Amino acid sequence: MTEFKHIVTPEESGRSIKELIRHHFTFSSRLMTKLKFQNLVYLNGEPMPGWIPTQTGDILLVKMPEEASDFPPEDIPIHVIYEDDDILVLNKQAGVAVHPTKGKPDHTIANGLMKKMLDDQETGKGQPYKIRFVNRLDMNTSGLMIVAKTGFAQEEIIKQMRKNRVIKKYITVVTGEIPEEEGTIDLPLGRPYADEVERWVVPEEEGGSPSVTHYTVLDRFAGHSLVELKLDTGRTHQIRIHLSYIGYPIVGDHLYCHGNPFEYRRIHNIPKDFHEEIVSPYINRQALHARYLAFRHPVTGENLSFEAPIPDDITQLLATLSNLSNQAAADREIK
């Protein structure tokens, strides 16, 4: 269980427990209420109410509330990159949804995490916790995700995200050779129709949310570009929409490979609930991978950074495109 400790200094003598907690720890009002009603604040080893005054040398201890998720456990592989009592960082595989939804009630990362949690408890390697996804990835996007084990850890990392202090970098392959070496896409995104999963560029005055994506072209071959992306915001489908909007859709993206999905369906008289699952001869999902994450640990303050290797299907895609590019160059030499 995560604990926070403070020894009262001579300058603090006489101040109440509640005052010192608010001064030294960044707990939310909601968490403070839980601490109060669950008697999780201790002074010199004994539970104490917040109004009690302190003295020099008193040991103030705050324990985090115990919570646990109850997703049905399933044998879904969980590739752990880092784990401690407060957070878990995993490398998500493509093809698995993050959490249960109405359309996808099971076989998710949450179900796999639940089994891992129960297995760890049986072997004495861990304690129960409530699964809180700090960042999320689309089902067919692979890469790094943060899971917070406490509400405090989740709140602290979200604060960093709001201040743009969490660095998130992705790698992708797009259709088309982007001419400039780098650029920024600053376009608001929204959900034009509440009953449809797709988003698109929507003016802020019509409900769109500010969205910023920075990109750097790493390579070009066979009519495609290998691109690295850094996000200032984390809107649903942000990278996929931004790249498609400027004319360079992600290879294998069945939702946005034709640009505006609503216009495309209207022009071609396609039902809104129809989605072609495989739209590329080279890969059967969108070639998008969350490769890098950096943030400050929510409890220790340590600067953490993680990198997930490019998955095999994107590596194979790059090899195929490289071969096509080399073959095209050889054909031109022969001519």
C-alpha atoms as a PDB file:
ATOM      1  CA  MET A   1       0.000   0.000   0.000  1.00  0.00           C
ATOM      2  CA  THR A   2       1.290   3.466  -0.909  1.00  0.00           C
ATOM      3  CA  GLU A   3       2.039   5.646   2.117  1.00  0.00           C
ATOM      4  CA  PHE A   4       3.051   9.276   2.561  1.00  0.00           C
ATOM      5  CA  LYS A   5       5.130  10.265   5.571  1.00  0.00           C
ATOM      6  CA  HIS A   6       6.128  13.586   7.139  1.00  0.00           C
ATOM      7  CA  ILE A   7       7.977  14.441  10.365  1.00  0.00           C
ATOM      8  CA  VAL A   8       6.744  17.653  11.952  1.00  0.00           C
ATOM      9  CA  THR A   9       9.431  20.362  12.132  1.00  0.00           C
ATOM     10  CA  PRO A  10       9.811  22.913  14.963  1.00  0.00           C
ATOM     11  CA  GLU A  11       8.420  25.611  12.638  1.00  0.00           C
ATOM     12  CA  GLU A  12       5.286  23.513  12.091  1.00  0.00           C
ATOM     13  CA  SER A  13       4.584  22.705  15.730  1.00  0.00           C
ATOM     14  CA  GLY A  14       1.017  23.569  16.659  1.00  0.00           C
ATOM     15  CA  ARG A  15      -0.357  23.305  13.122  1.00  0.00           C
ATOM     16  CA  SER A  16      -3.178  20.818  12.623  1.00  0.00           C
ATOM     17  CA  ILE A  17      -2.822  17.498  10.849  1.00  0.00           C
ATOM     18  CA  LYS A  18      -5.106  18.691   8.067  1.00  0.00           C
ATOM     19  CA  GLU A  19      -3.049  21.846   7.512  1.00  0.00           C
ATOM     20  CA  LEU A  20       0.170  19.872   7.173  1.00  0.00           C
ATOM     21  CA  ILE A  21      -1.371  17.355   4.793  1.00  0.00           C
ATOM     22  CA  ARG A  22      -2.628  20.129   2.513  1.00  0.00           C
ATOM     23  CA  HIS A  23       0.749  21.878   2.676  1.00  0.00           C
ATOM     24  CA  HIS A  24       2.984  18.883   1.959  1.00  0.00           C
ATOM     25  CA  PHE A  25       0.831  16.674  -0.277  1.00  0.00           C
ATOM     26  CA  THR A  26      -1.207  17.460  -3.383  1.00  0.00           C
ATOM     27  CA  PHE A  27      -4.270  15.396  -2.492  1.00  0.00           C
ATOM     28  CA  SER A  28      -7.577  16.258  -4.154  1.00  0.00           C
ATOM     29  CA  SER A  29     -10.636  17.198  -2.084  1.00  0.00           C
ATOM     30  CA  ARG A  30     -12.212  13.901  -3.070  1.00  0.00           C
ATOM     31  CA  LEU A  31      -9.211  11.947  -1.777  1.00  0.00           C
ATOM     32  CA  MET A  32      -9.114  14.010   1.435  1.00  0.00           C
ATOM     33  CA  THR A  33     -12.727  13.021   2.078  1.00  0.00           C
ATOM     34  CA  LYS A  34     -11.874   9.322   1.608  1.00  0.00           C
ATOM     35  CA  LEU A  35      -8.923   9.618   3.966  1.00  0.00           C
ATOM     36  CA  LYS A  36     -11.151  11.178   6.605  1.00  0.00           C
ATOM     37  CA  PHE A  37     -13.985   8.661   6.490  1.00  0.00           C
ATOM     38  CA  GLN A  38     -11.718   5.621   6.175  1.00  0.00           C
ATOM     39  CA  ASN A  39      -9.472   6.743   9.072  1.00  0.00           C
ATOM     40  CA  LEU A  40      -6.317   6.564   6.975  1.00  0.00           C
ATOM     41  CA  VAL A  41      -4.446   9.463   8.610  1.00  0.00           C
ATOM     42  CA  TYR A  42      -2.135   8.471  11.465  1.00  0.00           C
ATOM     43  CA  LEU A  43      -0.198  10.495  14.016  1.00  0.00           C
ATOM     44  CA  ASN A  44       2.583   8.552  15.723  1.00  0.00           C
ATOM     45  CA  GLY A  45       0.991   5.280  14.647  1.00  0.00           C
ATOM     46  CA  GLU A  46      -2.574   6.059  15.792  1.00  0.00           C
ATOM     47  CA  PRO A  47      -5.531   7.130  13.598  1.00  0.00           C
ATOM     48  CA  MET A  48      -6.269  10.797  14.281  1.00  0.00           C
ATOM     49  CA  PRO A  49      -8.826  13.362  13.040  1.00  0.00           C
ATOM     50  CA  GLY A  50      -7.560  16.268  10.980  1.00  0.00           C
ATOM     51  CA  TRP A  51      -8.171  18.981  13.592  1.00  0.00           C
ATOM     52  CA  ILE A  52      -5.623  17.554  16.064  1.00  0.00           C
ATOM     53  CA  PRO A  53      -2.610  19.896  16.550  1.00  0.00           C
ATOM     54  CA  THR A  54       0.869  18.498  16.051  1.00  0.00           C
ATOM     55  CA  GLN A  55       4.159  18.832  17.906  1.00  0.00           C
ATOM     56  CA  THR A  56       7.779  18.842  16.830  1.00  0.00           C
ATOM     57  CA  GLY A  57       8.954  15.325  15.921  1.00  0.00           C
ATOM     58  CA  ASP A  58       5.462  13.898  15.437  1.00  0.00           C
ATOM     59  CA  ILE A  59       5.283  11.373  12.633  1.00  0.00           C
ATOM     60  CA  LEU A  60       2.418  12.020  10.256  1.00  0.00           C
ATOM     61  CA  LEU A  61       1.481   9.044   8.070  1.00  0.00           C
ATOM     62  CA  VAL A  62      -1.156   8.934   5.320  1.00  0.00           C
ATOM     63  CA  LYS A  63      -2.199   5.642   3.716  1.00  0.00           C
ATOM     64  CA  MET A  64      -3.939   5.425   0.344  1.00  0.00           C
ATOM     65  CA  PRO A  65      -7.415   3.821   0.275  1.00  0.00           C
ATOM     66  CA  GLU A  66      -7.514   0.182  -0.801  1.00  0.00           C
ATOM     67  CA  GLU A  67      -9.547  -0.318  -3.970  1.00  0.00           C
ATOM     68  CA  ALA A  68      -9.852  -3.156  -6.459  1.00  0.00           C
ATOM     69  CA  SER A  69     -11.324  -3.669  -9.909  1.00  0.00           C
ATOM     70  CA  ASP A  70     -13.680  -6.533 -10.641  1.00  0.00           C
ATOM     71  CA  PHE A  71     -13.260  -7.163 -14.370  1.00  0.00           C
ATOM     72  CA  PRO A  72     -13.639 -10.853 -15.285  1.00  0.00           C
ATOM     73  CA  PRO A  73     -10.063 -12.200 -15.456  1.00  0.00           C
ATOM     74  CA  GLU A  74      -8.923 -13.513 -18.838  1.00  0.00           C
ATOM     75  CA  ASP A  75      -5.666 -14.907 -20.168  1.00  0.00           C
ATOM     76  CA  ILE A  76      -4.800 -11.844 -22.263  1.00  0.00           C
ATOM     77  CA  PRO A  77      -1.007 -11.296 -22.535  1.00  0.00           C
ATOM     78  CA  ILE A  78       0.199  -8.241 -20.606  1.00  0.00           C
ATOM     79  CA  HIS A  79       3.674  -7.062 -21.624  1.00  0.00           C
ATOM     80  CA  VAL A  80       4.962  -5.170 -18.587  1.00  0.00           C
ATOM     81  CA  ILE A  81       7.695  -2.586 -19.154  1.00  0.00           C
ATOM     82  CA  TYR A  82       7.742  -1.197 -15.599  1.00  0.00           C
ATOM     83  CA  GLU A  83       5.783  -1.772 -12.393  1.00  0.00           C
ATOM     84  CA  ASP A  84       5.820  -0.613  -8.766  1.00  0.00           C
ATOM     85  CA  ASP A  85       3.226  -0.012  -6.049  1.00  0.00           C
ATOM     86  CA  ASP A  86       1.847   3.105  -7.765  1.00  0.00           C
ATOM     87  CA  ILE A  87       1.968   2.606 -11.549  1.00  0.00           C
ATOM     88  CA  LEU A  88       2.369   0.042 -14.287  1.00  0.00           C
ATOM     89  CA  VAL A  89       3.642   0.749 -17.798  1.00  0.00           C
ATOM     90  CA  LEU A  90       2.804  -1.822 -20.464  1.00  0.00           C
ATOM     91  CA  ASN A  91       3.462  -2.363 -24.156  1.00  0.00           C
ATOM     92  CA  LYS A  92       0.012  -3.012 -25.618  1.00  0.00           C
ATOM     93  CA  GLN A  93      -0.323  -5.385 -28.555  1.00  0.00           C
ATOM     94  CA  ALA A  94      -2.454  -4.480 -31.578  1.00  0.00           C
ATOM     95  CA  GLY A  95      -5.887  -6.064 -31.956  1.00  0.00           C
ATOM     96  CA  VAL A  96      -6.915  -5.851 -28.279  1.00  0.00           C
ATOM     97  CA  ALA A  97      -9.237  -3.180 -26.905  1.00  0.00           C
ATOM     98  CA  VAL A  98      -8.120  -1.363 -23.757  1.00  0.00           C
ATOM     99  CA  HIS A  99     -11.266  -1.748 -21.642  1.00  0.00           C
ATOM    100  CA  PRO A 100     -14.724  -3.302 -21.980  1.00  0.00           C
ATOM    101  CA  THR A 101     -17.347  -1.341 -23.910  1.00  0.00           C
ATOM    102  CA  LYS A 102     -20.881  -2.031 -25.065  1.00  0.00           C
ATOM    103  CA  GLY A 103     -19.589  -3.372 -28.370  1.00  0.00           C
ATOM    104  CA  LYS A 104     -16.541  -5.084 -26.844  1.00  0.00           C
ATOM    105  CA  PRO A 105     -17.547  -6.402 -23.402  1.00  0.00           C
ATOM    106  CA  ASP A 106     -14.567  -8.724 -22.880  1.00  0.00           C
ATOM    107  CA  HIS A 107     -11.169  -9.907 -24.201  1.00  0.00           C
ATOM    108  CA  THR A 108      -9.603  -6.548 -23.293  1.00  0.00           C
ATOM    109  CA  ILE A 109      -6.401  -5.335 -21.659  1.00  0.00           C
ATOM    110  CA  ALA A 110      -8.435  -4.677 -18.492  1.00  0.00           C
ATOM    111  CA  ASN A 111      -9.420  -8.356 -18.373  1.00  0.00           C
ATOM    112  CA  GLY A 112      -5.799  -9.396 -18.816  1.00  0.00           C
ATOM    113  CA  LEU A 113      -4.642  -7.003 -16.095  1.00  0.00           C
ATOM    114  CA  MET A 114      -7.243  -8.444 -13.739  1.00  0.00           C
ATOM    115  CA  LYS A 115      -5.835 -11.945 -14.231  1.00  0.00           C
ATOM    116  CA  LYS A 116      -2.293 -10.665 -13.743  1.00  0.00           C
ATOM    117  CA  MET A 117      -3.351  -8.922 -10.532  1.00  0.00           C
ATOM    118  CA  LEU A 118      -4.957 -12.084  -9.137  1.00  0.00           C
ATOM    119  CA  ASP A 119      -1.939 -14.188 -10.144  1.00  0.00           C
ATOM    120  CA  ASP A 120       0.402 -11.714  -8.428  1.00  0.00           C
ATOM    121  CA  GLN A 121      -1.693 -11.853  -5.246  1.00  0.00           C
ATOM    122  CA  GLU A 122      -1.516 -15.651  -5.178  1.00  0.00           C
ATOM    123  CA  THR A 123       2.273 -15.602  -5.491  1.00  0.00           C
ATOM    124  CA  GLY A 124       2.716 -12.741  -3.028  1.00  0.00           C
ATOM    125  CA  LYS A 125       4.079 -10.371  -5.675  1.00  0.00           C
ATOM    126  CA  GLY A 126       1.416  -7.713  -5.466  1.00  0.00           C
ATOM    127  CA  GLN A 127      -1.672  -6.216  -3.841  1.00  0.00           C
ATOM    128  CA  PRO A 128      -5.144  -5.607  -5.319  1.00  0.00           C
ATOM    129  CA  TYR A 129      -5.727  -2.226  -6.949  1.00  0.00           C
ATOM    130  CA  LYS A 130      -8.259  -0.436  -9.078  1.00  0.00           C
ATOM    131  CA  ILE A 131      -7.193  -0.403 -12.746  1.00  0.00           C
ATOM    132  CA  ARG A 132      -7.013   3.183 -13.965  1.00  0.00           C
ATOM    133  CA  PHE A 133      -5.828   3.798 -17.536  1.00  0.00           C
ATOM    134  CA  VAL A 134      -4.047   7.144 -17.630  1.00  0.00           C
ATOM    135  CA  ASN A 135      -3.702   7.129 -21.424  1.00  0.00           C
ATOM    136  CA  ARG A 136      -5.539   4.948 -23.906  1.00  0.00           C
ATOM    137  CA  LEU A 137      -4.820   3.540 -27.339  1.00  0.00           C
ATOM    138  CA  ASP A 138      -7.179   2.465 -30.104  1.00  0.00           C
ATOM    139  CA  MET A 139      -7.721  -1.284 -30.376  1.00  0.00           C
ATOM    140  CA  ASN A 140      -5.486  -1.593 -33.446  1.00  0.00           C
ATOM    141  CA  THR A 141      -2.771   0.758 -32.172  1.00  0.00           C
ATOM    142  CA  SER A 142       0.164  -0.799 -30.331  1.00  0.00           C
ATOM    143  CA  GLY A 143       2.567   0.648 -27.796  1.00  0.00           C
ATOM    144  CA  LEU A 144       3.064   2.208 -24.388  1.00  0.00           C
ATOM    145  CA  MET A 145       0.313   2.804 -21.850  1.00  0.00           C
ATOM    146  CA  ILE A 146       0.316   3.955 -18.218  1.00  0.00           C
ATOM    147  CA  VAL A 147      -1.904   2.265 -15.635  1.00  0.00           C
ATOM    148  CA  ALA A 148      -2.299   4.024 -12.282  1.00  0.00           C
ATOM    149  CA  LYS A 149      -2.873   1.835  -9.230  1.00  0.00           C
ATOM    150  CA  THR A 150      -4.236   4.653  -7.046  1.00  0.00           C
ATOM    151  CA  GLY A 151      -6.444   7.645  -7.635  1.00  0.00           C
ATOM    152  CA  PHE A 152      -3.626   9.888  -6.433  1.00  0.00           C
ATOM    153  CA  ALA A 153      -1.179   8.501  -9.009  1.00  0.00           C
ATOM    154  CA  GLN A 154      -3.739   8.950 -11.768  1.00  0.00           C
ATOM    155  CA  GLU A 155      -4.499  12.545 -10.765  1.00  0.00           C
ATOM    156  CA  GLU A 156      -0.810  13.480 -10.558  1.00  0.00           C
ATOM    157  CA  ILE A 157       0.009  12.176 -14.043  1.00  0.00           C
ATOM    158  CA  ILE A 158      -3.097  13.790 -15.519  1.00  0.00           C
ATOM    159  CA  LYS A 159      -1.913  17.093 -14.021  1.00  0.00           C
ATOM    160  CA  GLN A 160       1.369  16.620 -15.879  1.00  0.00           C
ATOM    161  CA  MET A 161      -0.536  15.913 -19.094  1.00  0.00           C
ATOM    162  CA  ARG A 162      -2.567  19.104 -18.731  1.00  0.00           C
ATOM    163  CA  LYS A 163       0.669  21.067 -18.370  1.00  0.00           C
ATOM    164  CA  ASN A 164       2.111  19.259 -21.427  1.00  0.00           C
ATOM    165  CA  ARG A 165       4.835  17.657 -19.307  1.00  0.00           C
ATOM    166  CA  VAL A 166       4.199  14.086 -20.430  1.00  0.00           C
ATOM    167  CA  ILE A 167       6.129  13.391 -23.621  1.00  0.00           C
ATOM    168  CA  LYS A 168       4.348  11.006 -25.992  1.00  0.00           C
ATOM    169  CA  LYS A 169       5.940   9.987 -29.277  1.00  0.00           C
ATOM    170  CA  TYR A 170       4.473   7.705 -31.899  1.00  0.00           C
ATOM    171  CA  ILE A 171       5.786   6.183 -35.093  1.00  0.00           C
ATOM    172  CA  THR A 172       3.654   5.528 -38.155  1.00  0.00           C
ATOM    173  CA  VAL A 173       3.761   4.803 -41.877  1.00  0.00           C
ATOM    174  CA  VAL A 174       1.543   6.925 -44.121  1.00  0.00           C
ATOM    175  CA  THR A 175       0.477   6.739 -47.725  1.00  0.00           C
ATOM    176  CA  GLY A 176       2.235   9.441 -49.749  1.00  0.00           C
ATOM    177  CA  GLU A 177       5.639  11.075 -49.484  1.00  0.00           C
ATOM    178  CA  ILE A 178       5.353  14.133 -47.225  1.00  0.00           C
ATOM    179  CA  PRO A 179       7.561  16.810 -48.851  1.00  0.00           C
ATOM    180  CA  GLU A 180       8.578  18.836 -45.788  1.00  0.00           C
ATOM    181  CA  GLU A 181      10.892  17.403 -43.127  1.00  0.00           C
ATOM    182  CA  GLU A 182       8.699  18.451 -40.220  1.00  0.00           C
ATOM    183  CA  GLY A 183       5.548  20.361 -39.407  1.00  0.00           C
ATOM    184  CA  THR A 184       2.687  20.967 -36.999  1.00  0.00           C
ATOM    185  CA  ILE A 185      -0.990  20.162 -37.503  1.00  0.00           C
ATOM    186  CA  ASP A 186      -3.161  22.443 -35.382  1.00  0.00           C
ATOM    187  CA  LEU A 187      -6.775  21.533 -36.138  1.00  0.00           C
ATOM    188  CA  PRO A 188      -9.692  21.143 -33.684  1.00  0.00           C
ATOM    189  CA  LEU A 189     -11.367  17.745 -33.570  1.00  0.00           C
ATOM    190  CA  GLY A 190     -14.869  16.690 -32.642  1.00  0.00           C
ATOM    191  CA  ARG A 191     -17.604  14.111 -33.054  1.00  0.00           C
ATOM    192  CA  PRO A 192     -20.055  15.330 -35.716  1.00  0.00           C
ATOM    193  CA  TYR A 193     -22.577  12.565 -34.965  1.00  0.00           C
ATOM    194  CA  ALA A 194     -23.024  11.252 -31.424  1.00  0.00           C
ATOM    195  CA  ASP A 195     -24.114   7.794 -32.590  1.00  0.00           C
ATOM    196  CA  GLU A 196     -21.017   7.206 -34.745  1.00  0.00           C
ATOM    197  CA  VAL A 197     -17.512   6.294 -33.601  1.00  0.00           C
ATOM    198  CA  GLU A 198     -15.643   8.458 -36.116  1.00  0.00           C
ATOM    199  CA  ARG A 199     -14.396  11.978 -35.419  1.00  0.00           C
ATOM    200  CA  TRP A 200     -13.268  14.636 -37.855  1.00  0.00           C
ATOM    201  CA  VAL A 201     -12.020  18.206 -38.009  1.00  0.00           C
ATOM    202  CA  VAL A 202     -14.723  20.368 -36.406  1.00  0.00           C
ATOM    203  CA  PRO A 203     -14.440  24.151 -35.817  1.00  0.00           C
ATOM    204  CA  GLU A 204     -14.148  25.121 -32.161  1.00  0.00           C
ATOM    205  CA  GLU A 205     -17.293  27.256 -32.426  1.00  0.00           C
ATOM    206  CA  GLU A 206     -19.132  24.071 -33.404  1.00  0.00           C
ATOM    207  CA  GLY A 207     -17.789  22.038 -30.506  1.00  0.00           C
ATOM    208  CA  GLY A 208     -14.339  20.987 -31.736  1.00  0.00           C
ATOM    209  CA  SER A 209     -11.550  20.621 -29.163  1.00  0.00           C
ATOM    210  CA  PRO A 210      -8.089  22.148 -29.753  1.00  0.00           C
ATOM    211  CA  SER A 211      -5.728  19.443 -31.034  1.00  0.00           C
ATOM    212  CA  VAL A 212      -2.032  19.734 -31.910  1.00  0.00           C
ATOM    213  CA  THR A 213       0.216  17.137 -33.547  1.00  0.00           C
ATOM    214  CA  HIS A 214       3.896  17.698 -34.425  1.00  0.00           C
ATOM    215  CA  TYR A 215       5.470  15.439 -37.052  1.00  0.00           C
ATOM    216  CA  THR A 216       8.957  14.652 -38.343  1.00  0.00           C
ATOM    217  CA  VAL A 217       9.571  12.641 -41.523  1.00  0.00           C
ATOM    218  CA  LEU A 218      12.188   9.946 -40.861  1.00  0.00           C
ATOM    219  CA  ASP A 219      12.244   8.319 -44.315  1.00  0.00           C
ATOM    220  CA  ARG A 220      10.424   8.116 -47.636  1.00  0.00           C
ATOM    221  CA  PHE A 221      10.069   5.114 -49.938  1.00  0.00           C
ATOM    222  CA  ALA A 222       7.736   3.575 -52.503  1.00  0.00           C
ATOM    223  CA  GLY A 223       5.174   6.352 -52.235  1.00  0.00           C
ATOM    224  CA  HIS A 224       5.083   6.196 -48.419  1.00  0.00           C
ATOM    225  CA  SER A 225       6.614   8.061 -45.464  1.00  0.00           C
ATOM    226  CA  LEU A 226       7.909   6.861 -42.113  1.00  0.00           C
ATOM    227  CA  VAL A 227       6.882   9.528 -39.607  1.00  0.00           C
ATOM    228  CA  GLU A 228       7.490  10.278 -35.930  1.00  0.00           C
ATOM    229  CA  LEU A 229       4.776  12.197 -34.085  1.00  0.00           C
ATOM    230  CA  LYS A 230       4.698  14.124 -30.828  1.00  0.00           C
ATOM    231  CA  LEU A 231       1.387  15.130 -29.278  1.00  0.00           C
ATOM    232  CA  ASP A 232       0.496  18.260 -27.334  1.00  0.00           C
ATOM    233  CA  THR A 233      -3.043  16.943 -26.854  1.00  0.00           C
ATOM    234  CA  GLY A 234      -4.511  13.452 -26.736  1.00  0.00           C
ATOM    235  CA  ARG A 235      -7.852  13.478 -28.531  1.00  0.00           C
ATOM    236  CA  THR A 236      -9.505  10.276 -29.695  1.00  0.00           C
ATOM    237  CA  HIS A 237      -8.162   9.298 -33.156  1.00  0.00           C
ATOM    238  CA  GLN A 238      -6.103  12.529 -33.208  1.00  0.00           C
ATOM    239  CA  ILE A 239      -3.092  11.268 -35.171  1.00  0.00           C
ATOM    240  CA  ARG A 240      -5.225   9.272 -37.594  1.00  0.00           C
ATOM    241  CA  ILE A 241      -7.508  12.208 -38.393  1.00  0.00           C
ATOM    242  CA  HIS A 242      -4.804  14.874 -38.597  1.00  0.00           C
ATOM    243  CA  LEU A 243      -2.668  12.884 -41.024  1.00  0.00           C
ATOM    244  CA  SER A 244      -5.641  11.897 -43.149  1.00  0.00           C
ATOM    245  CA  TYR A 245      -6.912  15.491 -43.243  1.00  0.00           C
ATOM    246  CA  ILE A 246      -3.638  16.797 -44.707  1.00  0.00           C
ATOM    247  CA  GLY A 247      -3.670  14.039 -47.324  1.00  0.00           C
ATOM    248  CA  TYR A 248      -1.415  11.363 -45.816  1.00  0.00           C
ATOM    249  CA  PRO A 249      -3.584   8.669 -44.197  1.00  0.00           C
ATOM    250  CA  ILE A 250      -1.981   5.973 -42.076  1.00  0.00           C
ATOM    251  CA  VAL A 251      -1.405   2.719 -43.954  1.00  0.00           C
ATOM    252  CA  GLY A 252      -4.071   0.174 -42.983  1.00  0.00           C
ATOM    253  CA  ASP A 253      -6.418   2.674 -41.284  1.00  0.00           C
ATOM    254  CA  HIS A 254      -9.868   1.378 -42.215  1.00  0.00           C
ATOM    255  CA  LEU A 255     -11.699   4.396 -40.752  1.00  0.00           C
ATOM    256  CA  TYR A 256      -9.761   7.297 -42.245  1.00  0.00           C
ATOM    257  CA  CYS A 257      -7.950   5.860 -45.280  1.00  0.00           C
ATOM    258  CA  HIS A 258     -10.337   7.758 -47.612  1.00  0.00           C
ATOM    259  CA  GLY A 259     -10.264  11.071 -45.730  1.00  0.00           C
ATOM    260  CA  ASN A 260     -13.528  12.349 -44.277  1.00  0.00           C
ATOM    261  CA  PRO A 261     -15.423   9.089 -43.537  1.00  0.00           C
ATOM    262  CA  PHE A 262     -18.826  10.789 -43.519  1.00  0.00           C
ATOM    263  CA  GLU A 263     -18.367  12.324 -46.966  1.00  0.00           C
ATOM    264  CA  TYR A 264     -16.913   9.103 -48.354  1.00  0.00           C
ATOM    265  CA  ARG A 265     -19.885   7.039 -47.189  1.00  0.00           C
ATOM    266  CA  ARG A 266     -22.336   9.620 -48.520  1.00  0.00           C
ATOM    267  CA  ILE A 267     -20.725   9.819 -51.958  1.00  0.00           C
ATOM    268  CA  HIS A 268     -20.457   6.041 -52.309  1.00  0.00           C
ATOM    269  CA  ASN A 269     -23.780   5.268 -50.608  1.00  0.00           C
ATOM    270  CA  ILE A 270     -22.115   3.103 -47.952  1.00  0.00           C
ATOM    271  CA  PRO A 271     -24.026   2.263 -44.729  1.00  0.00           C
ATOM    272  CA  LYS A 272     -22.618   4.064 -41.696  1.00  0.00           C
ATOM    273  CA  ASP A 273     -22.142   0.796 -39.787  1.00  0.00           C
ATOM    274  CA  PHE A 274     -19.978  -0.740 -42.542  1.00  0.00           C
ATOM    275  CA  HIS A 275     -16.218  -0.763 -42.003  1.00  0.00           C
ATOM    276  CA  GLU A 276     -13.786  -2.549 -44.282  1.00  0.00           C
ATOM    277  CA  GLU A 277     -11.391  -4.212 -41.854  1.00  0.00           C
ATOM    278  CA  ILE A 278      -8.386  -4.716 -44.160  1.00  0.00           C
ATOM    279  CA  VAL A 279      -7.595  -1.855 -46.526  1.00  0.00           C
ATOM    280  CA  SER A 280      -3.885  -2.400 -47.193  1.00  0.00           C
ATOM    281  CA  PRO A 281      -2.119  -5.287 -48.958  1.00  0.00           C
ATOM    282  CA  TYR A 282       0.842  -4.819 -46.601  1.00  0.00           C
ATOM    283  CA  ILE A 283      -0.636  -4.771 -43.079  1.00  0.00           C
ATOM    284  CA  ASN A 284      -4.011  -5.694 -41.549  1.00  0.00           C
ATOM    285  CA  ARG A 285      -4.278  -2.801 -39.061  1.00  0.00           C
ATOM    286  CA  GLN A 286      -3.326   0.868 -38.871  1.00  0.00           C
ATOM    287  CA  ALA A 287       0.472   1.134 -38.816  1.00  0.00           C
ATOM    288  CA  LEU A 288       0.600   3.234 -35.648  1.00  0.00           C
ATOM    289  CA  HIS A 289       2.757   2.526 -32.601  1.00  0.00           C
ATOM    290  CA  ALA A 290       3.160   4.487 -29.345  1.00  0.00           C
ATOM    291  CA  ARG A 291       6.929   4.164 -29.119  1.00  0.00           C
ATOM    292  CA  TYR A 292       8.066   6.557 -26.362  1.00  0.00           C
ATOM    293  CA  LEU A 293       6.762   7.900 -23.040  1.00  0.00           C
ATOM    294  CA  ALA A 294       8.417  10.194 -20.515  1.00  0.00           C
ATOM    295  CA  PHE A 295       6.906  11.612 -17.322  1.00  0.00           C
ATOM    296  CA  ARG A 296       7.634  12.239 -13.655  1.00  0.00           C
ATOM    297  CA  HIS A 297       6.775   9.484 -11.196  1.00  0.00           C
ATOM    298  CA  PRO A 298       3.635  10.637  -9.348  1.00  0.00           C
ATOM    299  CA  VAL A 299       4.983   9.696  -5.891  1.00  0.00           C
ATOM    300  CA  THR A 300       8.797   9.648  -5.958  1.00  0.00           C
ATOM    301  CA  GLY A 301       9.198  12.511  -8.429  1.00  0.00           C
ATOM    302  CA  GLU A 302      11.750  10.486 -10.422  1.00  0.00           C
ATOM    303  CA  ASN A 303      11.948  11.258 -14.141  1.00  0.00           C
ATOM    304  CA  LEU A 304      10.954   8.126 -16.059  1.00  0.00           C
ATOM    305  CA  SER A 305      11.225   7.345 -19.754  1.00  0.00           C
ATOM    306  CA  PHE A 306      10.306   4.215 -21.686  1.00  0.00           C
ATOM    307  CA  GLU A 307      10.622   3.020 -25.273  1.00  0.00           C
ATOM    308  CA  ALA A 308       8.793   0.132 -26.910  1.00  0.00           C
ATOM    309  CA  PRO A 309      10.405  -1.558 -29.948  1.00  0.00           C
ATOM    310  CA  ILE A 310       8.626  -1.367 -33.287  1.00  0.00           C
ATOM    311  CA  PRO A 311       6.347  -4.439 -33.542  1.00  0.00           C
ATOM    312  CA  ASP A 312       6.950  -7.162 -36.094  1.00  0.00           C
ATOM    313  CA  ASP A 313       4.080  -6.272 -38.433  1.00  0.00           C
ATOM    314  CA  ILE A 314       5.282  -2.680 -38.857  1.00  0.00           C
ATOM    315  CA  THR A 315       8.886  -3.880 -39.223  1.00  0.00           C
ATOM    316  CA  GLN A 316       7.712  -6.214 -41.991  1.00  0.00           C
ATOM    317  CA  LEU A 317       5.752  -3.368 -43.598  1.00  0.00           C
ATOM    318  CA  LEU A 318       8.888  -1.220 -43.671  1.00  0.00           C
ATOM    319  CA  ALA A 319      10.898  -4.085 -45.176  1.00  0.00           C
ATOM    320  CA  THR A 320       8.267  -4.617 -47.886  1.00  0.00           C
ATOM    321  CA  LEU A 321       8.167  -0.929 -48.786  1.00  0.00           C
ATOM    322  CA  SER A 322      11.970  -0.761 -48.826  1.00  0.00           C
ATOM    323  CA  ASN A 323      12.106  -3.725 -51.209  1.00  0.00           C
ATOM    324  CA  LEU A 324       9.521  -2.104 -53.461  1.00  0.00           C
ATOM    325  CA  SER A 325      11.514   1.120 -53.467  1.00  0.00           C
ATOM    326  CA  ASN A 326      14.739  -0.704 -54.318  1.00  0.00           C
ATOM    327  CA  GLN A 327      13.023  -2.650 -57.094  1.00  0.00           C
ATOM    328  CA  ALA A 328      11.596   0.555 -58.560  1.00  0.00           C
ATOM    329  CA  ALA A 329      15.064   2.138 -58.522  1.00  0.00           C
ATOM    330  CA  ALA A 330      16.560  -0.916 -60.240  1.00  0.00           C
ATOM    331  CA  ASP A 331      13.833  -0.845 -62.911  1.00  0.00           C
ATOM    332  CA  ARG A 332      14.591   2.809 -63.627  1.00  0.00           C
ATOM    333  CA  GLU A 333      18.283   2.013 -64.077  1.00  0.00           C
ATOM    334  CA  ILE A 334      17.481  -0.732 -66.569  1.00  0.00           C
ATOM    335  CA  LYS A 335      15.345   1.658 -68.604  1.00  0.00           C
END
